[in-house]
Amino acid sequence: MDCIFCKIVKGEIPSKKVLENEKFLAFYDINPSAPVHILIIPKEHYENFSTTPSEIFCEISEFIKEVAKEVKVKDYRLITNNGKSAGQEIFHFHIHLLSNPNGKLKWPKLV
């Protein structure tokens, strides 16, 4: 059974896309935690950060920079959760890009 992000990649579930290439997809989070909240995923399924091949990280880093330019944000926070107790809810590796173009992002209490 495909995860929700795999279904988004396949076009089975709609998303508000920001940017896409042959390996990665960026789309707006449907439950944003900041004025700008974008999810960046590899199109290939990897469960989490720990199971993602290292070579993916260089490529996704460049893609993230393109996403930030596309939405015209210079200051942003990147977050990934690795595992259930760290807050991972969708078990498809993804990175959250969060930004507040009109002010400072707050840092939530983590415990």
N, C-alpha and C. Protein backbone atom coordinates (compact mmCIF):
# COMPACT_ATOMS: atom_id res chain seq x y z
N MET A 1 0.84 -1.19 0.00
CA MET A 1 0.00 0.00 0.00
C MET A 1 0.88 1.25 0.00
N ASP A 2 0.59 2.15 -0.89
CA ASP A 2 1.37 3.39 -0.99
C ASP A 2 1.05 4.35 0.15
N CYS A 3 2.07 5.09 0.58
CA CYS A 3 1.86 6.12 1.59
C CYS A 3 1.22 7.34 0.90
N ILE A 4 0.73 8.27 1.70
CA ILE A 4 0.06 9.45 1.16
C ILE A 4 1.00 10.26 0.25
N PHE A 5 2.29 10.36 0.59
CA PHE A 5 3.21 11.13 -0.25
C PHE A 5 3.46 10.42 -1.58
N CYS A 6 3.52 9.09 -1.57
CA CYS A 6 3.67 8.35 -2.83
C CYS A 6 2.45 8.59 -3.71
N LYS A 7 1.26 8.66 -3.10
CA LYS A 7 0.04 8.94 -3.86
C LYS A 7 0.05 10.35 -4.43
N ILE A 8 0.61 11.29 -3.70
CA ILE A 8 0.75 12.66 -4.21
C ILE A 8 1.71 12.66 -5.40
N VAL A 9 2.82 11.97 -5.29
CA VAL A 9 3.79 11.88 -6.39
C VAL A 9 3.12 11.31 -7.64
N LYS A 10 2.29 10.29 -7.46
CA LYS A 10 1.62 9.64 -8.60
C LYS A 10 0.44 10.45 -9.14
N GLY A 11 0.07 11.53 -8.45
CA GLY A 11 -1.06 12.33 -8.89
C GLY A 11 -2.40 11.78 -8.45
N GLU A 12 -2.40 10.79 -7.57
CA GLU A 12 -3.65 10.20 -7.08
C GLU A 12 -4.33 11.07 -6.03
N ILE A 13 -3.53 11.89 -5.35
CA ILE A 13 -4.03 12.86 -4.38
C ILE A 13 -3.52 14.23 -4.82
N PRO A 14 -4.40 15.23 -4.92
CA PRO A 14 -3.95 16.55 -5.37
C PRO A 14 -3.08 17.24 -4.32
N SER A 15 -2.22 18.12 -4.80
CA SER A 15 -1.40 18.95 -3.92
C SER A 15 -1.19 20.29 -4.61
N LYS A 16 -0.85 21.27 -3.81
CA LYS A 16 -0.51 22.59 -4.36
C LYS A 16 1.01 22.62 -4.54
N LYS A 17 1.42 22.26 -5.76
CA LYS A 17 2.85 22.12 -6.04
C LYS A 17 3.55 23.47 -6.08
N VAL A 18 4.78 23.46 -5.58
CA VAL A 18 5.65 24.63 -5.64
C VAL A 18 6.68 24.43 -6.74
N LEU A 19 7.30 23.25 -6.75
CA LEU A 19 8.36 22.95 -7.71
C LEU A 19 8.49 21.44 -7.82
N GLU A 20 8.91 20.99 -8.99
CA GLU A 20 9.06 19.57 -9.22
C GLU A 20 10.15 19.34 -10.25
N ASN A 21 10.91 18.27 -10.06
CA ASN A 21 11.83 17.81 -11.09
C ASN A 21 11.74 16.28 -11.14
N GLU A 22 12.65 15.64 -11.82
CA GLU A 22 12.55 14.19 -11.99
C GLU A 22 12.72 13.42 -10.68
N LYS A 23 13.38 14.01 -9.67
CA LYS A 23 13.65 13.29 -8.42
C LYS A 23 12.90 13.79 -7.20
N PHE A 24 12.48 15.05 -7.22
CA PHE A 24 11.91 15.67 -6.02
C PHE A 24 10.63 16.43 -6.32
N LEU A 25 9.84 16.60 -5.27
CA LEU A 25 8.60 17.36 -5.35
C LEU A 25 8.48 18.22 -4.11
N ALA A 26 8.06 19.47 -4.30
CA ALA A 26 7.80 20.39 -3.19
C ALA A 26 6.36 20.86 -3.32
N PHE A 27 5.65 20.83 -2.19
CA PHE A 27 4.25 21.26 -2.20
C PHE A 27 3.90 21.85 -0.84
N TYR A 28 2.86 22.68 -0.83
CA TYR A 28 2.44 23.33 0.41
C TYR A 28 1.80 22.32 1.37
N ASP A 29 2.14 22.45 2.65
CA ASP A 29 1.56 21.61 3.69
C ASP A 29 0.09 22.02 3.86
N ILE A 30 -0.81 21.03 3.99
CA ILE A 30 -2.23 21.35 4.13
C ILE A 30 -2.59 21.81 5.55
N ASN A 31 -1.66 21.63 6.48
CA ASN A 31 -1.87 22.08 7.86
C ASN A 31 -0.64 22.89 8.29
N PRO A 32 -0.48 24.09 7.75
CA PRO A 32 0.77 24.84 7.94
C PRO A 32 1.03 25.26 9.39
N SER A 33 2.32 25.23 9.73
CA SER A 33 2.78 25.66 11.05
C SER A 33 3.45 27.03 10.99
N ALA A 34 3.48 27.63 9.81
CA ALA A 34 4.10 28.94 9.60
C ALA A 34 3.44 29.56 8.36
N PRO A 35 3.60 30.86 8.16
CA PRO A 35 3.01 31.49 6.97
C PRO A 35 3.43 30.81 5.66
N VAL A 36 4.68 30.36 5.60
CA VAL A 36 5.14 29.55 4.48
C VAL A 36 5.54 28.20 5.06
N HIS A 37 4.88 27.14 4.60
CA HIS A 37 5.19 25.79 5.08
C HIS A 37 5.10 24.84 3.89
N ILE A 38 6.27 24.44 3.43
CA ILE A 38 6.39 23.60 2.24
C ILE A 38 7.03 22.28 2.63
N LEU A 39 6.50 21.21 2.07
CA LEU A 39 7.08 19.88 2.25
C LEU A 39 7.90 19.54 1.02
N ILE A 40 9.10 19.03 1.23
CA ILE A 40 10.00 18.66 0.14
C ILE A 40 10.28 17.18 0.29
N ILE A 41 9.99 16.42 -0.77
CA ILE A 41 10.14 14.97 -0.69
C ILE A 41 10.89 14.42 -1.90
N PRO A 42 11.62 13.33 -1.69
CA PRO A 42 12.10 12.59 -2.86
C PRO A 42 10.91 11.83 -3.44
N LYS A 43 10.87 11.69 -4.74
CA LYS A 43 9.78 10.94 -5.36
C LYS A 43 9.88 9.45 -5.05
N GLU A 44 11.09 8.97 -4.88
CA GLU A 44 11.27 7.59 -4.49
C GLU A 44 11.00 7.47 -2.99
N HIS A 45 10.37 6.39 -2.60
CA HIS A 45 10.00 6.21 -1.19
C HIS A 45 11.18 5.74 -0.35
N TYR A 46 11.47 6.53 0.70
CA TYR A 46 12.39 6.14 1.77
C TYR A 46 11.62 6.43 3.05
N GLU A 47 11.67 5.54 4.00
CA GLU A 47 10.85 5.67 5.20
C GLU A 47 11.17 6.91 6.03
N ASN A 48 12.46 7.21 6.19
CA ASN A 48 12.85 8.34 7.04
C ASN A 48 14.28 8.76 6.71
N PHE A 49 14.79 9.70 7.45
CA PHE A 49 16.15 10.21 7.25
C PHE A 49 17.17 9.07 7.31
N SER A 50 17.03 8.18 8.28
CA SER A 50 18.01 7.11 8.49
C SER A 50 18.08 6.11 7.35
N THR A 51 16.98 5.93 6.62
CA THR A 51 16.95 4.94 5.54
C THR A 51 17.18 5.56 4.17
N THR A 52 17.36 6.87 4.12
CA THR A 52 17.58 7.56 2.85
C THR A 52 19.06 7.51 2.48
N PRO A 53 19.38 7.09 1.26
CA PRO A 53 20.79 7.03 0.84
C PRO A 53 21.45 8.41 0.92
N SER A 54 22.68 8.43 1.36
CA SER A 54 23.42 9.68 1.56
C SER A 54 23.48 10.55 0.31
N GLU A 55 23.60 9.95 -0.86
CA GLU A 55 23.73 10.75 -2.08
C GLU A 55 22.49 11.60 -2.36
N ILE A 56 21.35 11.22 -1.80
CA ILE A 56 20.12 11.99 -1.99
C ILE A 56 20.24 13.36 -1.33
N PHE A 57 20.99 13.45 -0.23
CA PHE A 57 21.03 14.69 0.54
C PHE A 57 21.67 15.85 -0.22
N CYS A 58 22.71 15.61 -0.99
CA CYS A 58 23.31 16.69 -1.79
C CYS A 58 22.31 17.20 -2.82
N GLU A 59 21.63 16.27 -3.47
CA GLU A 59 20.67 16.65 -4.50
C GLU A 59 19.46 17.37 -3.93
N ILE A 60 18.94 16.89 -2.80
CA ILE A 60 17.77 17.54 -2.23
C ILE A 60 18.14 18.92 -1.68
N SER A 61 19.39 19.08 -1.23
CA SER A 61 19.85 20.40 -0.76
C SER A 61 19.77 21.44 -1.87
N GLU A 62 20.22 21.07 -3.05
CA GLU A 62 20.14 22.00 -4.19
C GLU A 62 18.69 22.29 -4.56
N PHE A 63 17.85 21.27 -4.51
CA PHE A 63 16.43 21.44 -4.82
C PHE A 63 15.78 22.38 -3.81
N ILE A 64 16.12 22.25 -2.54
CA ILE A 64 15.56 23.12 -1.50
C ILE A 64 15.93 24.58 -1.78
N LYS A 65 17.14 24.83 -2.21
CA LYS A 65 17.55 26.20 -2.54
C LYS A 65 16.70 26.75 -3.68
N GLU A 66 16.39 25.90 -4.66
CA GLU A 66 15.52 26.32 -5.77
C GLU A 66 14.11 26.62 -5.28
N VAL A 67 13.62 25.81 -4.37
CA VAL A 67 12.28 26.02 -3.80
C VAL A 67 12.24 27.37 -3.08
N ALA A 68 13.24 27.66 -2.26
CA ALA A 68 13.28 28.93 -1.54
C ALA A 68 13.28 30.11 -2.51
N LYS A 69 14.03 30.00 -3.59
CA LYS A 69 14.03 31.07 -4.61
C LYS A 69 12.66 31.20 -5.26
N GLU A 70 12.03 30.07 -5.54
CA GLU A 70 10.72 30.06 -6.20
C GLU A 70 9.67 30.79 -5.38
N VAL A 71 9.71 30.60 -4.06
CA VAL A 71 8.72 31.26 -3.19
C VAL A 71 9.25 32.57 -2.59
N LYS A 72 10.45 32.94 -3.02
CA LYS A 72 11.05 34.23 -2.65
C LYS A 72 11.23 34.41 -1.14
N VAL A 73 11.80 33.37 -0.50
CA VAL A 73 12.16 33.50 0.91
C VAL A 73 13.68 33.34 1.06
N LYS A 74 14.26 34.20 1.88
CA LYS A 74 15.70 34.12 2.15
C LYS A 74 15.96 33.46 3.49
N ASP A 75 15.10 33.74 4.44
CA ASP A 75 15.26 33.21 5.79
C ASP A 75 14.24 32.10 5.99
N TYR A 76 14.73 30.93 6.36
CA TYR A 76 13.82 29.81 6.55
C TYR A 76 14.44 28.77 7.46
N ARG A 77 13.58 27.92 7.98
CA ARG A 77 13.99 26.82 8.85
C ARG A 77 13.69 25.51 8.13
N LEU A 78 14.61 24.56 8.24
CA LEU A 78 14.41 23.22 7.69
C LEU A 78 14.32 22.24 8.84
N ILE A 79 13.30 21.36 8.77
CA ILE A 79 13.10 20.37 9.82
C ILE A 79 12.78 19.03 9.18
N THR A 80 13.36 17.98 9.74
CA THR A 80 12.93 16.62 9.42
C THR A 80 12.83 15.84 10.72
N ASN A 81 11.82 15.03 10.82
CA ASN A 81 11.62 14.19 11.99
C ASN A 81 11.95 12.76 11.61
N ASN A 82 12.70 12.08 12.45
CA ASN A 82 13.14 10.72 12.16
C ASN A 82 12.56 9.78 13.21
N GLY A 83 11.43 9.17 12.89
CA GLY A 83 10.80 8.22 13.80
C GLY A 83 9.61 8.80 14.55
N LYS A 84 8.76 7.91 15.01
CA LYS A 84 7.51 8.28 15.66
C LYS A 84 7.71 9.17 16.88
N SER A 85 8.64 8.81 17.77
CA SER A 85 8.82 9.59 19.00
C SER A 85 9.45 10.96 18.72
N ALA A 86 10.01 11.15 17.54
CA ALA A 86 10.54 12.46 17.15
C ALA A 86 9.48 13.32 16.47
N GLY A 87 8.29 12.75 16.27
CA GLY A 87 7.20 13.51 15.68
C GLY A 87 6.91 13.18 14.22
N GLN A 88 7.59 12.19 13.67
CA GLN A 88 7.31 11.82 12.27
C GLN A 88 5.93 11.19 12.20
N GLU A 89 5.09 11.74 11.32
CA GLU A 89 3.72 11.26 11.15
C GLU A 89 3.53 10.53 9.82
N ILE A 90 4.21 10.98 8.79
CA ILE A 90 4.17 10.34 7.48
C ILE A 90 5.51 9.65 7.29
N PHE A 91 5.48 8.35 7.08
CA PHE A 91 6.73 7.59 7.00
C PHE A 91 7.22 7.49 5.56
N HIS A 92 7.51 8.68 5.02
CA HIS A 92 8.16 8.91 3.73
C HIS A 92 9.07 10.09 4.01
N PHE A 93 10.38 9.93 3.86
CA PHE A 93 11.32 11.00 4.19
C PHE A 93 10.85 12.32 3.58
N HIS A 94 10.83 13.35 4.40
CA HIS A 94 10.45 14.68 3.93
C HIS A 94 11.11 15.74 4.81
N ILE A 95 11.24 16.90 4.22
CA ILE A 95 11.81 18.05 4.91
C ILE A 95 10.77 19.16 4.88
N HIS A 96 10.57 19.79 6.03
CA HIS A 96 9.68 20.94 6.13
C HIS A 96 10.51 22.20 5.92
N LEU A 97 10.08 23.07 5.03
CA LEU A 97 10.66 24.40 4.89
C LEU A 97 9.64 25.36 5.47
N LEU A 98 10.05 26.07 6.53
CA LEU A 98 9.17 27.00 7.23
C LEU A 98 9.76 28.40 7.15
N SER A 99 8.89 29.38 6.90
CA SER A 99 9.36 30.75 6.84
C SER A 99 8.23 31.69 7.23
N ASN A 100 8.64 32.83 7.74
CA ASN A 100 7.69 33.91 8.04
C ASN A 100 8.26 35.18 7.42
N PRO A 101 7.89 35.47 6.18
CA PRO A 101 8.44 36.65 5.50
C PRO A 101 8.16 37.97 6.22
N ASN A 102 7.14 37.99 7.11
CA ASN A 102 6.75 39.24 7.79
C ASN A 102 7.22 39.32 9.23
N GLY A 103 8.07 38.41 9.65
CA GLY A 103 8.52 38.43 11.03
C GLY A 103 9.39 37.23 11.34
N LYS A 104 9.66 37.07 12.62
CA LYS A 104 10.55 36.01 13.05
C LYS A 104 9.75 34.74 13.36
N LEU A 105 10.30 33.60 12.98
CA LEU A 105 9.71 32.32 13.36
C LEU A 105 9.94 32.09 14.84
N LYS A 106 8.94 31.59 15.52
CA LYS A 106 9.10 31.24 16.92
C LYS A 106 9.64 29.82 17.02
N TRP A 107 10.34 29.53 18.09
CA TRP A 107 10.85 28.18 18.31
C TRP A 107 9.98 27.54 19.37
N PRO A 108 9.26 26.47 19.01
CA PRO A 108 8.36 25.87 19.99
C PRO A 108 9.10 25.12 21.10
N LYS A 109 8.45 25.01 22.23
CA LYS A 109 8.99 24.19 23.30
C LYS A 109 8.94 22.74 22.83
N LEU A 110 10.03 22.02 22.90
CA LEU A 110 10.13 20.70 22.32
C LEU A 110 9.88 19.55 23.29
N VAL A 111 9.69 19.83 24.57
CA VAL A 111 9.41 18.76 25.53
C VAL A 111 8.19 19.11 26.36
